[in-house]
Amino acid sequence: MFYSVYATENFGTETSGLSNSDKFKIKRIFNQLKENPYVGNQIKYKFFREKRLKEKRIYYLIYEKLSCVLVVAFGGKKTQQKTINEIIKLFPEFSKHAKKLIDN
């Protein structure tokens, strides 16, 4: 089963200043997530994960019923806990956003 991979606008903004090399690595990670979204490290919940890119982390949510992955944030170690807490707080909004993406 293949998953659709989507990124939030926030993720796009956070990664816009990266080098072309890092952007290429992110594309490879997205392709990896299409085949197996569970490759990253689990954060508190089975569906909430992170994948490392050098010293940074890509945070994403897996929606099995929708067969999609929503990449929601990108950040470093210093802001890791704050980012995780914010994502957990926004779970309902991210779920609605994922459903809208699939419906369109």
C-alpha atoms as a PDB file:
ATOM      1  CA  MET A   1       0.000   0.000   0.000  1.00  0.00           C
ATOM      2  CA  PHE A   2       1.286   3.433  -0.902  1.00  0.00           C
ATOM      3  CA  TYR A   3       0.540   6.545   1.117  1.00  0.00           C
ATOM      4  CA  SER A   4       0.023  10.048  -0.201  1.00  0.00           C
ATOM      5  CA  VAL A   5       2.407  12.531   1.397  1.00  0.00           C
ATOM      6  CA  TYR A   6       1.371  16.140   1.969  1.00  0.00           C
ATOM      7  CA  ALA A   7       3.129  19.016   3.705  1.00  0.00           C
ATOM      8  CA  THR A   8       1.560  21.923   5.535  1.00  0.00           C
ATOM      9  CA  GLU A   9       2.273  25.515   4.511  1.00  0.00           C
ATOM     10  CA  ASN A  10       4.136  25.893   7.789  1.00  0.00           C
ATOM     11  CA  PHE A  11       6.529  23.109   6.802  1.00  0.00           C
ATOM     12  CA  GLY A  12       7.102  24.785   3.430  1.00  0.00           C
ATOM     13  CA  THR A  13       7.913  28.074   5.140  1.00  0.00           C
ATOM     14  CA  GLU A  14      10.269  26.430   7.638  1.00  0.00           C
ATOM     15  CA  THR A  15      12.222  24.656   4.886  1.00  0.00           C
ATOM     16  CA  SER A  16      12.265  27.413   2.258  1.00  0.00           C
ATOM     17  CA  GLY A  17      15.762  28.605   3.192  1.00  0.00           C
ATOM     18  CA  LEU A  18      17.414  25.200   3.002  1.00  0.00           C
ATOM     19  CA  SER A  19      20.102  24.331   0.493  1.00  0.00           C
ATOM     20  CA  ASN A  20      19.170  22.443  -2.665  1.00  0.00           C
ATOM     21  CA  SER A  21      21.017  19.424  -1.258  1.00  0.00           C
ATOM     22  CA  ASP A  22      18.832  19.405   1.865  1.00  0.00           C
ATOM     23  CA  LYS A  23      15.676  19.925  -0.206  1.00  0.00           C
ATOM     24  CA  PHE A  24      16.651  16.898  -2.289  1.00  0.00           C
ATOM     25  CA  LYS A  25      17.122  14.862   0.906  1.00  0.00           C
ATOM     26  CA  ILE A  26      13.649  15.920   2.055  1.00  0.00           C
ATOM     27  CA  LYS A  27      12.193  14.721  -1.262  1.00  0.00           C
ATOM     28  CA  ARG A  28      13.913  11.360  -0.712  1.00  0.00           C
ATOM     29  CA  ILE A  29      12.405  11.169   2.778  1.00  0.00           C
ATOM     30  CA  PHE A  30       8.951  11.950   1.330  1.00  0.00           C
ATOM     31  CA  ASN A  31       9.393   9.103  -1.185  1.00  0.00           C
ATOM     32  CA  GLN A  32      10.409   6.806   1.652  1.00  0.00           C
ATOM     33  CA  LEU A  33       7.289   7.792   3.618  1.00  0.00           C
ATOM     34  CA  LYS A  34       5.082   6.907   0.632  1.00  0.00           C
ATOM     35  CA  GLU A  35       6.212   3.298   0.906  1.00  0.00           C
ATOM     36  CA  ASN A  36       6.575   3.009   4.680  1.00  0.00           C
ATOM     37  CA  PRO A  37       5.473   5.908   6.872  1.00  0.00           C
ATOM     38  CA  TYR A  38       6.567   4.089  10.030  1.00  0.00           C
ATOM     39  CA  VAL A  39      10.310   4.458   9.300  1.00  0.00           C
ATOM     40  CA  GLY A  40      10.763   7.416  11.651  1.00  0.00           C
ATOM     41  CA  ASN A  41      10.977   7.448  15.413  1.00  0.00           C
ATOM     42  CA  GLN A  42       7.678   7.308  17.279  1.00  0.00           C
ATOM     43  CA  ILE A  43       6.748  10.290  19.458  1.00  0.00           C
ATOM     44  CA  LYS A  44       4.166   9.435  22.160  1.00  0.00           C
ATOM     45  CA  TYR A  45       1.680   7.970  19.636  1.00  0.00           C
ATOM     46  CA  LYS A  46       2.068   5.352  16.906  1.00  0.00           C
ATOM     47  CA  PHE A  47       0.827   7.838  14.287  1.00  0.00           C
ATOM     48  CA  PHE A  48       3.098  10.733  15.386  1.00  0.00           C
ATOM     49  CA  ARG A  49       6.697  10.425  14.214  1.00  0.00           C
ATOM     50  CA  GLU A  50       9.888  12.242  13.389  1.00  0.00           C
ATOM     51  CA  LYS A  51      12.592  11.661  10.827  1.00  0.00           C
ATOM     52  CA  ARG A  52      16.024  13.230  11.239  1.00  0.00           C
ATOM     53  CA  LEU A  53      17.776  15.324   8.642  1.00  0.00           C
ATOM     54  CA  LYS A  54      21.218  16.107  10.043  1.00  0.00           C
ATOM     55  CA  GLU A  55      20.617  18.031  13.300  1.00  0.00           C
ATOM     56  CA  LYS A  56      17.026  18.910  12.338  1.00  0.00           C
ATOM     57  CA  ARG A  57      13.829  16.879  12.551  1.00  0.00           C
ATOM     58  CA  ILE A  58      10.869  16.436  10.227  1.00  0.00           C
ATOM     59  CA  TYR A  59       7.642  15.872  12.178  1.00  0.00           C
ATOM     60  CA  TYR A  60       4.736  14.052  10.576  1.00  0.00           C
ATOM     61  CA  LEU A  61       1.389  12.413  11.286  1.00  0.00           C
ATOM     62  CA  ILE A  62       0.148   9.173   9.736  1.00  0.00           C
ATOM     63  CA  TYR A  63      -3.526   8.729   8.869  1.00  0.00           C
ATOM     64  CA  GLU A  64      -3.969   5.037   8.079  1.00  0.00           C
ATOM     65  CA  LYS A  65      -7.672   5.262   7.216  1.00  0.00           C
ATOM     66  CA  LEU A  66      -6.911   8.008   4.694  1.00  0.00           C
ATOM     67  CA  SER A  67      -3.682   6.360   3.493  1.00  0.00           C
ATOM     68  CA  CYS A  68      -1.849   9.628   3.876  1.00  0.00           C
ATOM     69  CA  VAL A  69       1.007  11.249   5.724  1.00  0.00           C
ATOM     70  CA  LEU A  70       0.868  14.895   6.731  1.00  0.00           C
ATOM     71  CA  VAL A  71       4.268  16.506   7.292  1.00  0.00           C
ATOM     72  CA  VAL A  72       3.606  19.273   9.782  1.00  0.00           C
ATOM     73  CA  ALA A  73       6.842  20.791  11.097  1.00  0.00           C
ATOM     74  CA  PHE A  74      10.599  21.078  10.777  1.00  0.00           C
ATOM     75  CA  GLY A  75      12.864  22.092  13.626  1.00  0.00           C
ATOM     76  CA  GLY A  76      15.965  21.610  15.694  1.00  0.00           C
ATOM     77  CA  LYS A  77      16.802  20.084  19.036  1.00  0.00           C
ATOM     78  CA  LYS A  78      16.469  23.373  20.945  1.00  0.00           C
ATOM     79  CA  THR A  79      12.789  23.739  20.102  1.00  0.00           C
ATOM     80  CA  GLN A  80      11.964  20.037  19.956  1.00  0.00           C
ATOM     81  CA  GLN A  81       9.707  19.785  23.014  1.00  0.00           C
ATOM     82  CA  LYS A  82       7.907  23.039  22.221  1.00  0.00           C
ATOM     83  CA  THR A  83       7.276  21.836  18.647  1.00  0.00           C
ATOM     84  CA  ILE A  84       6.006  18.444  19.834  1.00  0.00           C
ATOM     85  CA  ASN A  85       3.645  20.049  22.367  1.00  0.00           C
ATOM     86  CA  GLU A  86       2.282  22.441  19.726  1.00  0.00           C
ATOM     87  CA  ILE A  87       1.676  19.613  17.245  1.00  0.00           C
ATOM     88  CA  ILE A  88      -0.149  17.527  19.874  1.00  0.00           C
ATOM     89  CA  LYS A  89      -2.327  20.529  20.701  1.00  0.00           C
ATOM     90  CA  LEU A  90      -3.184  20.894  16.994  1.00  0.00           C
ATOM     91  CA  PHE A  91      -4.028  17.211  16.294  1.00  0.00           C
ATOM     92  CA  PRO A  92      -7.741  17.965  15.580  1.00  0.00           C
ATOM     93  CA  GLU A  93      -6.905  20.741  13.101  1.00  0.00           C
ATOM     94  CA  PHE A  94      -4.314  18.599  11.338  1.00  0.00           C
ATOM     95  CA  SER A  95      -6.845  15.786  11.043  1.00  0.00           C
ATOM     96  CA  LYS A  96      -9.385  18.121   9.422  1.00  0.00           C
ATOM     97  CA  HIS A  97      -6.696  19.439   7.093  1.00  0.00           C
ATOM     98  CA  ALA A  98      -5.698  15.911   6.018  1.00  0.00           C
ATOM     99  CA  LYS A  99      -9.337  15.021   5.276  1.00  0.00           C
ATOM    100  CA  LYS A 100      -9.725  18.153   3.140  1.00  0.00           C
ATOM    101  CA  LEU A 101      -6.583  17.300   1.188  1.00  0.00           C
ATOM    102  CA  ILE A 102      -7.841  13.795   0.471  1.00  0.00           C
ATOM    103  CA  ASP A 103     -11.320  15.015  -0.509  1.00  0.00           C
ATOM    104  CA  ASN A 104      -9.888  17.461  -3.064  1.00  0.00           C
END
